[in-house]
PDB file of N, CA and C in Angstrom:
ATOM      1  N   MET A   1      30.000   5.359 -11.796  1.00  0.00           N
ATOM      2  CA  MET A   1      28.675   4.482 -11.904  1.00  0.00           C
ATOM      3  C   MET A   1      27.742   5.699 -12.351  1.00  0.00           C
ATOM      4  N   ASP A   2      26.825   5.226 -13.543  1.00  0.00           N
ATOM      5  CA  ASP A   2      25.863   6.137 -13.975  1.00  0.00           C
ATOM      6  C   ASP A   2      24.748   5.837 -13.294  1.00  0.00           C
ATOM      7  N   TYR A   3      24.307   6.773 -12.273  1.00  0.00           N
ATOM      8  CA  TYR A   3      23.013   6.453 -11.447  1.00  0.00           C
ATOM      9  C   TYR A   3      21.735   6.504 -12.139  1.00  0.00           C
ATOM     10  N   SER A   4      22.016   7.124 -13.150  1.00  0.00           N
ATOM     11  CA  SER A   4      20.505   7.370 -14.153  1.00  0.00           C
ATOM     12  C   SER A   4      20.169   5.910 -14.568  1.00  0.00           C
ATOM     13  N   GLN A   5      21.103   5.001 -14.551  1.00  0.00           N
ATOM     14  CA  GLN A   5      20.761   3.594 -15.224  1.00  0.00           C
ATOM     15  C   GLN A   5      20.552   2.472 -14.314  1.00  0.00           C
ATOM     16  N   VAL A   6      20.513   3.032 -12.772  1.00  0.00           N
ATOM     17  CA  VAL A   6      19.942   1.984 -11.851  1.00  0.00           C
ATOM     18  C   VAL A   6      18.625   1.592 -12.008  1.00  0.00           C
ATOM     19  N   PRO A   7      18.338   0.402 -12.001  1.00  0.00           N
ATOM     20  CA  PRO A   7      16.755   0.056 -12.179  1.00  0.00           C
ATOM     21  C   PRO A   7      16.107   0.202 -10.895  1.00  0.00           C
ATOM     22  N   THR A   8      14.694   0.230 -10.984  1.00  0.00           N
ATOM     23  CA  THR A   8      13.895  -0.002  -9.637  1.00  0.00           C
ATOM     24  C   THR A   8      13.631  -1.526  -9.648  1.00  0.00           C
ATOM     25  N   PRO A   9      13.299  -1.943  -8.258  1.00  0.00           N
ATOM     26  CA  PRO A   9      13.279  -3.340  -8.078  1.00  0.00           C
ATOM     27  C   PRO A   9      11.940  -3.849  -8.924  1.00  0.00           C
ATOM     28  N   LYS A  10      12.044  -5.163  -9.383  1.00  0.00           N
ATOM     29  CA  LYS A  10      11.226  -5.702 -10.226  1.00  0.00           C
ATOM     30  C   LYS A  10       9.561  -5.677  -9.411  1.00  0.00           C
ATOM     31  N   ARG A  11       9.503  -6.085  -8.165  1.00  0.00           N
ATOM     32  CA  ARG A  11       8.493  -6.316  -7.481  1.00  0.00           C
ATOM     33  C   ARG A  11       8.383  -5.520  -6.018  1.00  0.00           C
ATOM     34  N   CYS A  12       7.323  -5.107  -5.590  1.00  0.00           N
ATOM     35  CA  CYS A  12       7.210  -4.410  -4.354  1.00  0.00           C
ATOM     36  C   CYS A  12       6.003  -4.619  -3.782  1.00  0.00           C
ATOM     37  N   TYR A  13       5.846  -4.332  -2.422  1.00  0.00           N
ATOM     38  CA  TYR A  13       4.461  -4.096  -2.004  1.00  0.00           C
ATOM     39  C   TYR A  13       4.537  -2.896  -1.104  1.00  0.00           C
ATOM     40  N   ALA A  14       3.570  -2.116  -1.084  1.00  0.00           N
ATOM     41  CA  ALA A  14       3.664  -0.791  -0.229  1.00  0.00           C
ATOM     42  C   ALA A  14       2.220  -0.904   0.545  1.00  0.00           C
ATOM     43  N   ASP A  15       2.499  -0.406   1.687  1.00  0.00           N
ATOM     44  CA  ASP A  15       1.459  -0.447   2.732  1.00  0.00           C
ATOM     45  C   ASP A  15       1.349   1.221   2.915  1.00  0.00           C
ATOM     46  N   PHE A  16       0.228   1.811   2.346  1.00  0.00           N
ATOM     47  CA  PHE A  16       0.116   3.212   2.494  1.00  0.00           C
ATOM     48  C   PHE A  16      -1.229   3.792   2.956  1.00  0.00           C
ATOM     49  N   CYS A  17      -1.111   5.116   3.550  1.00  0.00           N
ATOM     50  CA  CYS A  17      -2.221   5.548   4.057  1.00  0.00           C
ATOM     51  C   CYS A  17      -2.226   7.045   3.617  1.00  0.00           C
ATOM     52  N   LEU A  18      -3.268   7.379   2.879  1.00  0.00           N
ATOM     53  CA  LEU A  18      -3.392   8.718   2.196  1.00  0.00           C
ATOM     54  C   LEU A  18      -4.231   9.399   3.415  1.00  0.00           C
ATOM     55  N   ILE A  19      -3.848  10.624   3.563  1.00  0.00           N
ATOM     56  CA  ILE A  19      -4.539  11.646   4.656  1.00  0.00           C
ATOM     57  C   ILE A  19      -4.922  12.927   3.965  1.00  0.00           C
ATOM     58  N   PRO A  20      -6.201  13.158   3.418  1.00  0.00           N
ATOM     59  CA  PRO A  20      -6.623  14.375   2.886  1.00  0.00           C
ATOM     60  C   PRO A  20      -6.618  15.368   4.058  1.00  0.00           C
ATOM     61  N   VAL A  21      -6.130  16.556   3.632  1.00  0.00           N
ATOM     62  CA  VAL A  21      -5.872  17.742   4.496  1.00  0.00           C
ATOM     63  C   VAL A  21      -6.818  18.888   4.042  1.00  0.00           C
ATOM     64  N   GLY A  22      -7.546  19.569   4.827  1.00  0.00           N
ATOM     65  CA  GLY A  22      -8.358  20.700   4.505  1.00  0.00           C
ATOM     66  C   GLY A  22      -9.660  20.501   3.934  1.00  0.00           C
ATOM     67  N   THR A  23     -10.192  19.277   4.212  1.00  0.00           N
ATOM     68  CA  THR A  23     -11.669  19.061   3.974  1.00  0.00           C
ATOM     69  C   THR A  23     -12.699  19.658   4.835  1.00  0.00           C
ATOM     70  N   GLY A  24     -12.419  19.793   5.944  1.00  0.00           N
ATOM     71  CA  GLY A  24     -13.229  20.095   6.940  1.00  0.00           C
ATOM     72  C   GLY A  24     -13.937  19.123   7.734  1.00  0.00           C
ATOM     73  N   LYS A  25     -13.603  17.960   7.264  1.00  0.00           N
ATOM     74  CA  LYS A  25     -14.450  16.803   7.710  1.00  0.00           C
ATOM     75  C   LYS A  25     -13.509  15.803   8.656  1.00  0.00           C
ATOM     76  N   VAL A  26     -14.180  15.114   9.467  1.00  0.00           N
ATOM     77  CA  VAL A  26     -13.433  14.061  10.449  1.00  0.00           C
ATOM     78  C   VAL A  26     -13.224  12.721   9.532  1.00  0.00           C
ATOM     79  N   SER A  27     -14.344  12.280   8.895  1.00  0.00           N
ATOM     80  CA  SER A  27     -14.283  11.057   8.176  1.00  0.00           C
ATOM     81  C   SER A  27     -13.499  11.161   6.880  1.00  0.00           C
ATOM     82  N   VAL A  28     -12.989  10.112   6.544  1.00  0.00           N
ATOM     83  CA  VAL A  28     -12.320  10.154   5.102  1.00  0.00           C
ATOM     84  C   VAL A  28     -12.683   8.726   4.438  1.00  0.00           C
ATOM     85  N   ALA A  29     -13.929   8.157   4.949  1.00  0.00           N
ATOM     86  CA  ALA A  29     -14.416   7.007   4.126  1.00  0.00           C
ATOM     87  C   ALA A  29     -14.485   7.322   2.757  1.00  0.00           C
ATOM     88  N   GLN A  30     -15.305   8.269   2.373  1.00  0.00           N
ATOM     89  CA  GLN A  30     -15.450   8.695   0.782  1.00  0.00           C
ATOM     90  C   GLN A  30     -14.231   8.685   0.135  1.00  0.00           C
ATOM     91  N   GLU A  31     -13.229   9.480   0.504  1.00  0.00           N
ATOM     92  CA  GLU A  31     -11.998   9.425  -0.165  1.00  0.00           C
ATOM     93  C   GLU A  31     -11.210   8.026  -0.053  1.00  0.00           C
ATOM     94  N   VAL A  32     -11.487   7.257   0.831  1.00  0.00           N
ATOM     95  CA  VAL A  32     -11.059   5.858   0.937  1.00  0.00           C
ATOM     96  C   VAL A  32     -11.615   5.134  -0.253  1.00  0.00           C
ATOM     97  N   ALA A  33     -12.927   5.162  -0.214  1.00  0.00           N
ATOM     98  CA  ALA A  33     -13.713   4.488  -1.232  1.00  0.00           C
ATOM     99  C   ALA A  33     -13.363   4.680  -2.628  1.00  0.00           C
ATOM    100  N   GLU A  34     -12.960   5.845  -2.890  1.00  0.00           N
ATOM    101  CA  GLU A  34     -12.545   6.514  -4.193  1.00  0.00           C
ATOM    102  C   GLU A  34     -11.148   5.846  -4.683  1.00  0.00           C
ATOM    103  N   VAL A  35     -10.425   5.665  -3.722  1.00  0.00           N
ATOM    104  CA  VAL A  35      -8.928   5.265  -3.871  1.00  0.00           C
ATOM    105  C   VAL A  35      -9.420   3.667  -4.155  1.00  0.00           C
ATOM    106  N   GLN A  36     -10.143   3.140  -3.248  1.00  0.00           N
ATOM    107  CA  GLN A  36     -10.395   1.706  -3.596  1.00  0.00           C
ATOM    108  C   GLN A  36     -10.931   1.426  -5.209  1.00  0.00           C
ATOM    109  N   LYS A  37     -11.734   2.231  -5.640  1.00  0.00           N
ATOM    110  CA  LYS A  37     -12.107   2.024  -6.889  1.00  0.00           C
ATOM    111  C   LYS A  37     -11.112   2.139  -7.872  1.00  0.00           C
ATOM    112  N   LEU A  38      -9.983   3.154  -7.530  1.00  0.00           N
ATOM    113  CA  LEU A  38      -8.894   3.211  -8.549  1.00  0.00           C
ATOM    114  C   LEU A  38      -8.194   1.989  -8.498  1.00  0.00           C
ATOM    115  N   LEU A  39      -7.946   1.430  -7.322  1.00  0.00           N
ATOM    116  CA  LEU A  39      -6.965   0.238  -7.132  1.00  0.00           C
ATOM    117  C   LEU A  39      -7.569  -0.953  -7.753  1.00  0.00           C
ATOM    118  N   LYS A  40      -8.866  -1.068  -7.699  1.00  0.00           N
ATOM    119  CA  LYS A  40      -9.712  -2.190  -8.278  1.00  0.00           C
ATOM    120  C   LYS A  40      -9.422  -2.002  -9.830  1.00  0.00           C
ATOM    121  N   ALA A  41      -9.644  -0.850 -10.360  1.00  0.00           N
ATOM    122  CA  ALA A  41      -9.598  -0.587 -12.033  1.00  0.00           C
ATOM    123  C   ALA A  41      -7.778  -0.864 -12.164  1.00  0.00           C
ATOM    124  N   SER A  42      -7.121  -0.596 -11.529  1.00  0.00           N
ATOM    125  CA  SER A  42      -5.617  -0.893 -11.771  1.00  0.00           C
ATOM    126  C   SER A  42      -5.318  -2.389 -12.084  1.00  0.00           C
ATOM    127  N   GLY A  43      -5.900  -3.164 -11.543  1.00  0.00           N
ATOM    128  CA  GLY A  43      -5.638  -4.639 -11.849  1.00  0.00           C
ATOM    129  C   GLY A  43      -4.598  -5.037 -10.866  1.00  0.00           C
ATOM    130  N   LEU A  44      -3.967  -4.184  -9.910  1.00  0.00           N
ATOM    131  CA  LEU A  44      -3.019  -4.570  -9.096  1.00  0.00           C
ATOM    132  C   LEU A  44      -3.772  -5.237  -7.736  1.00  0.00           C
ATOM    133  N   TYR A  45      -3.108  -6.246  -7.051  1.00  0.00           N
ATOM    134  CA  TYR A  45      -3.433  -6.920  -5.908  1.00  0.00           C
ATOM    135  C   TYR A  45      -3.502  -5.847  -4.710  1.00  0.00           C
ATOM    136  N   TYR A  46      -4.589  -5.886  -4.036  1.00  0.00           N
ATOM    137  CA  TYR A  46      -4.426  -4.879  -2.979  1.00  0.00           C
ATOM    138  C   TYR A  46      -5.313  -5.438  -1.890  1.00  0.00           C
ATOM    139  N   THR A  47      -5.135  -4.996  -0.723  1.00  0.00           N
ATOM    140  CA  THR A  47      -5.865  -5.346   0.611  1.00  0.00           C
ATOM    141  C   THR A  47      -6.153  -4.072   1.289  1.00  0.00           C
ATOM    142  N   LEU A  48      -7.405  -3.856   1.447  1.00  0.00           N
ATOM    143  CA  LEU A  48      -7.743  -2.630   2.513  1.00  0.00           C
ATOM    144  C   LEU A  48      -7.864  -3.126   3.905  1.00  0.00           C
ATOM    145  N   HIS A  49      -7.244  -2.258   4.846  1.00  0.00           N
ATOM    146  CA  HIS A  49      -7.246  -2.708   6.163  1.00  0.00           C
ATOM    147  C   HIS A  49      -7.638  -1.261   7.010  1.00  0.00           C
ATOM    148  N   SER A  50      -7.699  -1.454   8.426  1.00  0.00           N
ATOM    149  CA  SER A  50      -8.305  -0.279   8.895  1.00  0.00           C
ATOM    150  C   SER A  50      -7.511   0.927   8.973  1.00  0.00           C
ATOM    151  N   ALA A  51      -6.179   0.769   8.839  1.00  0.00           N
ATOM    152  CA  ALA A  51      -5.354   1.921   8.710  1.00  0.00           C
ATOM    153  C   ALA A  51      -4.658   2.315   7.435  1.00  0.00           C
ATOM    154  N   GLY A  52      -5.232   1.736   6.410  1.00  0.00           N
ATOM    155  CA  GLY A  52      -4.618   1.999   4.973  1.00  0.00           C
ATOM    156  C   GLY A  52      -5.024   0.898   4.064  1.00  0.00           C
ATOM    157  N   THR A  53      -4.156   0.673   3.008  1.00  0.00           N
ATOM    158  CA  THR A  53      -4.043  -0.140   1.994  1.00  0.00           C
ATOM    159  C   THR A  53      -2.775  -0.885   1.679  1.00  0.00           C
ATOM    160  N   THR A  54      -2.548  -1.846   1.485  1.00  0.00           N
ATOM    161  CA  THR A  54      -1.379  -2.699   0.921  1.00  0.00           C
ATOM    162  C   THR A  54      -1.715  -2.971  -0.478  1.00  0.00           C
ATOM    163  N   VAL A  55      -0.829  -2.522  -1.547  1.00  0.00           N
ATOM    164  CA  VAL A  55      -0.668  -2.922  -2.953  1.00  0.00           C
ATOM    165  C   VAL A  55       0.562  -3.454  -3.335  1.00  0.00           C
ATOM    166  N   GLU A  56       0.509  -4.394  -4.214  1.00  0.00           N
ATOM    167  CA  GLU A  56       1.438  -5.115  -4.680  1.00  0.00           C
ATOM    168  C   GLU A  56       1.557  -5.116  -6.106  1.00  0.00           C
ATOM    169  N   GLY A  57       2.802  -5.130  -6.669  1.00  0.00           N
ATOM    170  CA  GLY A  57       3.003  -5.071  -8.239  1.00  0.00           C
ATOM    171  C   GLY A  57       4.422  -4.797  -8.469  1.00  0.00           C
ATOM    172  N   SER A  58       4.758  -4.367  -9.707  1.00  0.00           N
ATOM    173  CA  SER A  58       6.104  -3.836 -10.111  1.00  0.00           C
ATOM    174  C   SER A  58       6.161  -2.434  -9.349  1.00  0.00           C
ATOM    175  N   TRP A  59       7.492  -2.088  -8.950  1.00  0.00           N
ATOM    176  CA  TRP A  59       7.736  -0.796  -8.336  1.00  0.00           C
ATOM    177  C   TRP A  59       6.888   0.459  -9.178  1.00  0.00           C
ATOM    178  N   ASP A  60       7.208   0.420 -10.446  1.00  0.00           N
ATOM    179  CA  ASP A  60       6.560   1.564 -11.088  1.00  0.00           C
ATOM    180  C   ASP A  60       5.150   1.358 -11.090  1.00  0.00           C
ATOM    181  N   GLU A  61       4.431   0.360 -11.095  1.00  0.00           N
ATOM    182  CA  GLU A  61       2.993   0.222 -11.109  1.00  0.00           C
ATOM    183  C   GLU A  61       2.422   0.858  -9.797  1.00  0.00           C
ATOM    184  N   VAL A  62       3.134   0.234  -8.698  1.00  0.00           N
ATOM    185  CA  VAL A  62       2.970   0.602  -7.460  1.00  0.00           C
ATOM    186  C   VAL A  62       3.011   2.044  -7.033  1.00  0.00           C
ATOM    187  N   MET A  63       3.924   2.761  -7.569  1.00  0.00           N
ATOM    188  CA  MET A  63       4.162   4.140  -7.337  1.00  0.00           C
ATOM    189  C   MET A  63       3.203   4.821  -8.009  1.00  0.00           C
ATOM    190  N   LYS A  64       2.919   4.508  -9.361  1.00  0.00           N
ATOM    191  CA  LYS A  64       2.069   5.373 -10.324  1.00  0.00           C
ATOM    192  C   LYS A  64       0.635   5.100  -9.415  1.00  0.00           C
ATOM    193  N   VAL A  65       0.274   4.087  -9.188  1.00  0.00           N
ATOM    194  CA  VAL A  65      -1.132   4.048  -8.631  1.00  0.00           C
ATOM    195  C   VAL A  65      -1.343   4.924  -7.400  1.00  0.00           C
ATOM    196  N   ILE A  66      -0.180   5.020  -6.422  1.00  0.00           N
ATOM    197  CA  ILE A  66      -0.202   5.663  -5.228  1.00  0.00           C
ATOM    198  C   ILE A  66      -0.189   7.127  -5.626  1.00  0.00           C
ATOM    199  N   GLY A  67       0.515   7.609  -6.778  1.00  0.00           N
ATOM    200  CA  GLY A  67       0.330   9.017  -7.168  1.00  0.00           C
ATOM    201  C   GLY A  67      -0.909   9.271  -7.917  1.00  0.00           C
ATOM    202  N   GLN A  68      -1.626   8.264  -8.688  1.00  0.00           N
ATOM    203  CA  GLN A  68      -2.994   8.404  -9.059  1.00  0.00           C
ATOM    204  C   GLN A  68      -3.994   8.380  -7.872  1.00  0.00           C
ATOM    205  N   ALA A  69      -3.787   7.923  -6.989  1.00  0.00           N
ATOM    206  CA  ALA A  69      -4.743   7.815  -5.518  1.00  0.00           C
ATOM    207  C   ALA A  69      -4.580   9.621  -4.960  1.00  0.00           C
ATOM    208  N   HIS A  70      -3.300  10.048  -5.206  1.00  0.00           N
ATOM    209  CA  HIS A  70      -3.289  11.511  -4.749  1.00  0.00           C
ATOM    210  C   HIS A  70      -4.195  12.308  -5.505  1.00  0.00           C
ATOM    211  N   THR A  71      -3.984  12.054  -6.942  1.00  0.00           N
ATOM    212  CA  THR A  71      -4.934  12.876  -7.915  1.00  0.00           C
ATOM    213  C   THR A  71      -6.489  12.878  -7.436  1.00  0.00           C
ATOM    214  N   ILE A  72      -6.851  11.508  -7.299  1.00  0.00           N
ATOM    215  CA  ILE A  72      -8.181  11.110  -6.997  1.00  0.00           C
ATOM    216  C   ILE A  72      -8.580  11.922  -5.848  1.00  0.00           C
ATOM    217  N   VAL A  73      -7.789  11.978  -4.819  1.00  0.00           N
ATOM    218  CA  VAL A  73      -8.144  12.562  -3.411  1.00  0.00           C
ATOM    219  C   VAL A  73      -8.245  14.129  -3.776  1.00  0.00           C
ATOM    220  N   HIS A  74      -7.376  14.565  -4.315  1.00  0.00           N
ATOM    221  CA  HIS A  74      -7.355  16.044  -4.816  1.00  0.00           C
ATOM    222  C   HIS A  74      -8.596  16.357  -5.490  1.00  0.00           C
ATOM    223  N   LYS A  75      -9.204  15.549  -6.203  1.00  0.00           N
ATOM    224  CA  LYS A  75     -10.324  15.712  -6.932  1.00  0.00           C
ATOM    225  C   LYS A  75     -11.646  15.551  -6.099  1.00  0.00           C
ATOM    226  N   THR A  76     -11.359  15.128  -4.919  1.00  0.00           N
ATOM    227  CA  THR A  76     -12.600  15.041  -4.008  1.00  0.00           C
ATOM    228  C   THR A  76     -12.636  16.391  -3.195  1.00  0.00           C
ATOM    229  N   GLY A  77     -11.691  17.106  -3.482  1.00  0.00           N
ATOM    230  CA  GLY A  77     -11.689  18.606  -2.813  1.00  0.00           C
ATOM    231  C   GLY A  77     -10.656  18.759  -1.881  1.00  0.00           C
ATOM    232  N   ALA A  78      -9.865  17.795  -1.383  1.00  0.00           N
ATOM    233  CA  ALA A  78      -8.697  17.957  -0.583  1.00  0.00           C
ATOM    234  C   ALA A  78      -7.684  18.776  -1.274  1.00  0.00           C
ATOM    235  N   VAL A  79      -7.263  19.985  -0.713  1.00  0.00           N
ATOM    236  CA  VAL A  79      -6.207  20.661  -1.266  1.00  0.00           C
ATOM    237  C   VAL A  79      -4.882  20.283  -1.039  1.00  0.00           C
ATOM    238  N   ARG A  80      -4.948  19.364   0.062  1.00  0.00           N
ATOM    239  CA  ARG A  80      -3.506  18.834   0.429  1.00  0.00           C
ATOM    240  C   ARG A  80      -3.606  17.326   0.763  1.00  0.00           C
ATOM    241  N   VAL A  81      -2.763  16.551   0.201  1.00  0.00           N
ATOM    242  CA  VAL A  81      -2.667  15.076   0.606  1.00  0.00           C
ATOM    243  C   VAL A  81      -1.434  14.657   1.082  1.00  0.00           C
ATOM    244  N   GLN A  82      -1.404  13.972   2.322  1.00  0.00           N
ATOM    245  CA  GLN A  82      -0.127  13.558   2.885  1.00  0.00           C
ATOM    246  C   GLN A  82      -0.193  12.067   2.876  1.00  0.00           C
ATOM    247  N   THR A  83       0.831  11.483   2.609  1.00  0.00           N
ATOM    248  CA  THR A  83       0.846   9.889   2.522  1.00  0.00           C
ATOM    249  C   THR A  83       1.944   9.528   3.444  1.00  0.00           C
ATOM    250  N   SER A  84       1.454   8.386   4.333  1.00  0.00           N
ATOM    251  CA  SER A  84       2.369   7.781   5.172  1.00  0.00           C
ATOM    252  C   SER A  84       2.578   6.462   4.519  1.00  0.00           C
ATOM    253  N   MET A  85       3.879   5.860   4.034  1.00  0.00           N
ATOM    254  CA  MET A  85       3.976   4.713   3.497  1.00  0.00           C
ATOM    255  C   MET A  85       5.260   3.938   3.970  1.00  0.00           C
ATOM    256  N   ARG A  86       5.202   2.749   3.610  1.00  0.00           N
ATOM    257  CA  ARG A  86       6.186   1.696   3.878  1.00  0.00           C
ATOM    258  C   ARG A  86       6.192   0.741   2.643  1.00  0.00           C
ATOM    259  N   VAL A  87       7.458   0.582   2.103  1.00  0.00           N
ATOM    260  CA  VAL A  87       7.551  -0.302   0.966  1.00  0.00           C
ATOM    261  C   VAL A  87       8.692  -1.420   1.251  1.00  0.00           C
ATOM    262  N   GLY A  88       8.257  -2.488   0.810  1.00  0.00           N
ATOM    263  CA  GLY A  88       9.168  -3.692   0.955  1.00  0.00           C
ATOM    264  C   GLY A  88       9.610  -4.295  -0.513  1.00  0.00           C
ATOM    265  N   THR A  89      10.733  -4.800  -0.627  1.00  0.00           N
ATOM    266  CA  THR A  89      11.297  -5.558  -1.698  1.00  0.00           C
ATOM    267  C   THR A  89      12.047  -6.676  -1.123  1.00  0.00           C
ATOM    268  N   ARG A  90      12.063  -7.689  -2.022  1.00  0.00           N
ATOM    269  CA  ARG A  90      12.925  -8.682  -1.825  1.00  0.00           C
ATOM    270  C   ARG A  90      13.570  -9.303  -3.084  1.00  0.00           C
ATOM    271  N   THR A  91      14.862  -9.777  -3.072  1.00  0.00           N
ATOM    272  CA  THR A  91      15.606 -10.393  -4.104  1.00  0.00           C
ATOM    273  C   THR A  91      15.730 -11.631  -4.000  1.00  0.00           C
ATOM    274  N   ASP A  92      15.773 -12.358  -3.013  1.00  0.00           N
ATOM    275  CA  ASP A  92      15.940 -13.740  -2.598  1.00  0.00           C
ATOM    276  C   ASP A  92      14.823 -14.749  -2.800  1.00  0.00           C
ATOM    277  N   LYS A  93      13.579 -14.229  -3.067  1.00  0.00           N
ATOM    278  CA  LYS A  93      12.273 -15.028  -3.452  1.00  0.00           C
ATOM    279  C   LYS A  93      11.184 -14.245  -3.523  1.00  0.00           C
ATOM    280  N   ALA A  94      10.060 -14.674  -4.311  1.00  0.00           N
ATOM    281  CA  ALA A  94       8.974 -14.081  -4.504  1.00  0.00           C
ATOM    282  C   ALA A  94       8.136 -14.168  -3.234  1.00  0.00           C
ATOM    283  N   GLN A  95       7.498 -13.133  -2.753  1.00  0.00           N
ATOM    284  CA  GLN A  95       6.775 -13.192  -1.525  1.00  0.00           C
ATOM    285  C   GLN A  95       5.756 -12.090  -1.456  1.00  0.00           C
ATOM    286  N   THR A  96       4.356 -12.729  -1.354  1.00  0.00           N
ATOM    287  CA  THR A  96       3.264 -11.450  -1.396  1.00  0.00           C
ATOM    288  C   THR A  96       3.132 -11.217   0.077  1.00  0.00           C
ATOM    289  N   ALA A  97       2.264 -10.084   0.287  1.00  0.00           N
ATOM    290  CA  ALA A  97       1.823  -9.628   1.625  1.00  0.00           C
ATOM    291  C   ALA A  97       1.088 -10.812   2.382  1.00  0.00           C
ATOM    292  N   ASP A  98       0.257 -11.475   1.421  1.00  0.00           N
ATOM    293  CA  ASP A  98      -0.431 -12.693   2.109  1.00  0.00           C
ATOM    294  C   ASP A  98       0.552 -13.656   2.635  1.00  0.00           C
ATOM    295  N   ASP A  99       1.568 -14.048   1.703  1.00  0.00           N
ATOM    296  CA  ASP A  99       2.723 -15.012   2.218  1.00  0.00           C
ATOM    297  C   ASP A  99       3.124 -14.501   3.403  1.00  0.00           C
ATOM    298  N   LYS A 100       3.511 -13.286   3.760  1.00  0.00           N
ATOM    299  CA  LYS A 100       4.028 -12.885   5.038  1.00  0.00           C
ATOM    300  C   LYS A 100       3.127 -13.072   6.140  1.00  0.00           C
ATOM    301  N   VAL A 101       1.826 -12.849   6.044  1.00  0.00           N
ATOM    302  CA  VAL A 101       0.856 -13.111   7.209  1.00  0.00           C
ATOM    303  C   VAL A 101       0.826 -14.627   7.350  1.00  0.00           C
ATOM    304  N   ARG A 102       0.644 -15.397   6.258  1.00  0.00           N
ATOM    305  CA  ARG A 102       0.587 -16.836   6.352  1.00  0.00           C
ATOM    306  C   ARG A 102       1.676 -17.412   7.201  1.00  0.00           C
ATOM    307  N   ARG A 103       2.724 -16.957   7.037  1.00  0.00           N
ATOM    308  CA  ARG A 103       4.030 -17.479   7.671  1.00  0.00           C
ATOM    309  C   ARG A 103       3.955 -17.409   9.130  1.00  0.00           C
ATOM    310  N   VAL A 104       3.622 -15.925   9.573  1.00  0.00           N
ATOM    311  CA  VAL A 104       3.399 -15.487  10.997  1.00  0.00           C
ATOM    312  C   VAL A 104       2.345 -16.412  11.395  1.00  0.00           C
ATOM    313  N   GLU A 105       1.105 -16.698  10.765  1.00  0.00           N
ATOM    314  CA  GLU A 105       0.102 -17.544  11.351  1.00  0.00           C
ATOM    315  C   GLU A 105       0.475 -19.109  11.444  1.00  0.00           C
ATOM    316  N   GLU A 106       1.425 -19.474  10.774  1.00  0.00           N
ATOM    317  CA  GLU A 106       1.927 -20.699  10.759  1.00  0.00           C
ATOM    318  C   GLU A 106       2.809 -20.952  12.145  1.00  0.00           C
ATOM    319  N   ILE A 107       3.786 -20.045  12.253  1.00  0.00           N
ATOM    320  CA  ILE A 107       4.257 -20.061  13.514  1.00  0.00           C
ATOM    321  C   ILE A 107       3.470 -20.083  14.782  1.00  0.00           C
ATOM    322  N   LEU A 108       2.434 -19.004  14.703  1.00  0.00           N
ATOM    323  CA  LEU A 108       1.554 -19.016  15.968  1.00  0.00           C
ATOM    324  C   LEU A 108       0.732 -20.296  16.111  1.00  0.00           C
ATOM    325  N   ALA A 109       0.289 -20.904  14.968  1.00  0.00           N
ATOM    326  CA  ALA A 109      -0.378 -22.253  15.311  1.00  0.00           C
ATOM    327  C   ALA A 109       0.295 -23.336  15.837  1.00  0.00           C
ATOM    328  N   HIS A 110       1.698 -23.297  15.780  1.00  0.00           N
ATOM    329  CA  HIS A 110       2.506 -24.336  16.172  1.00  0.00           C
ATOM    330  C   HIS A 110       3.450 -23.988  17.527  1.00  0.00           C
ATOM    331  N   ASP A 111       3.022 -22.652  17.914  1.00  0.00           N
ATOM    332  CA  ASP A 111       3.737 -22.185  19.232  1.00  0.00           C
ATOM    333  C   ASP A 111       3.010 -22.615  20.297  1.00  0.00           C
ATOM    334  N   GLU A 112       3.529 -22.815  21.505  1.00  0.00           N
ATOM    335  CA  GLU A 112       3.120 -23.222  22.561  1.00  0.00           C
ATOM    336  C   GLU A 112       2.916 -21.890  23.373  1.00  0.00           C
ATOM    337  N   PRO A 113       1.643 -22.151  24.423  1.00  0.00           N
ATOM    338  CA  PRO A 113       1.251 -20.737  25.078  1.00  0.00           C
ATOM    339  C   PRO A 113       2.398 -20.149  25.571  1.00  0.00           C
ATOM    340  N   SER A 114       2.191 -18.900  25.759  1.00  0.00           N
ATOM    341  CA  SER A 114       3.379 -18.069  26.456  1.00  0.00           C
ATOM    342  C   SER A 114       3.220 -18.449  27.971  1.00  0.00           C
ATOM    343  N   ALA A 115       4.404 -18.202  28.609  1.00  0.00           N
ATOM    344  CA  ALA A 115       4.438 -18.470  29.922  1.00  0.00           C
ATOM    345  C   ALA A 115       4.104 -17.176  30.809  1.00  0.00           C
ATOM    346  N   TRP A 116       3.813 -16.080  30.033  1.00  0.00           N
ATOM    347  CA  TRP A 116       3.572 -14.910  30.663  1.00  0.00           C
ATOM    348  C   TRP A 116       2.184 -15.096  31.559  1.00  0.00           C
TER     349      TRP A 116
END
């Protein structure tokens, strides 16, 4: 098998959290804001949450924008950036991060109260 010809998945979602290191600050709000500006400019669908951001698109677009986010955060003065990331793909159907949340909410709406 020629592994150099293995394609990347067509679509994915990535939940990521960039952590600037070496800034001397506790808050990362300014760095997060800069990354959000980048994501908006990318045209990809994204959702900010309290512990990171979920971005959706083609594998190559998603990985590119996360790499660009590293560059943006370095430009704010961080000498090191660590990223924690979870990436999901599916081949059986198209599913967005919002679809995943909606599905769980549907189950909860029809669930009976717990016996706990």
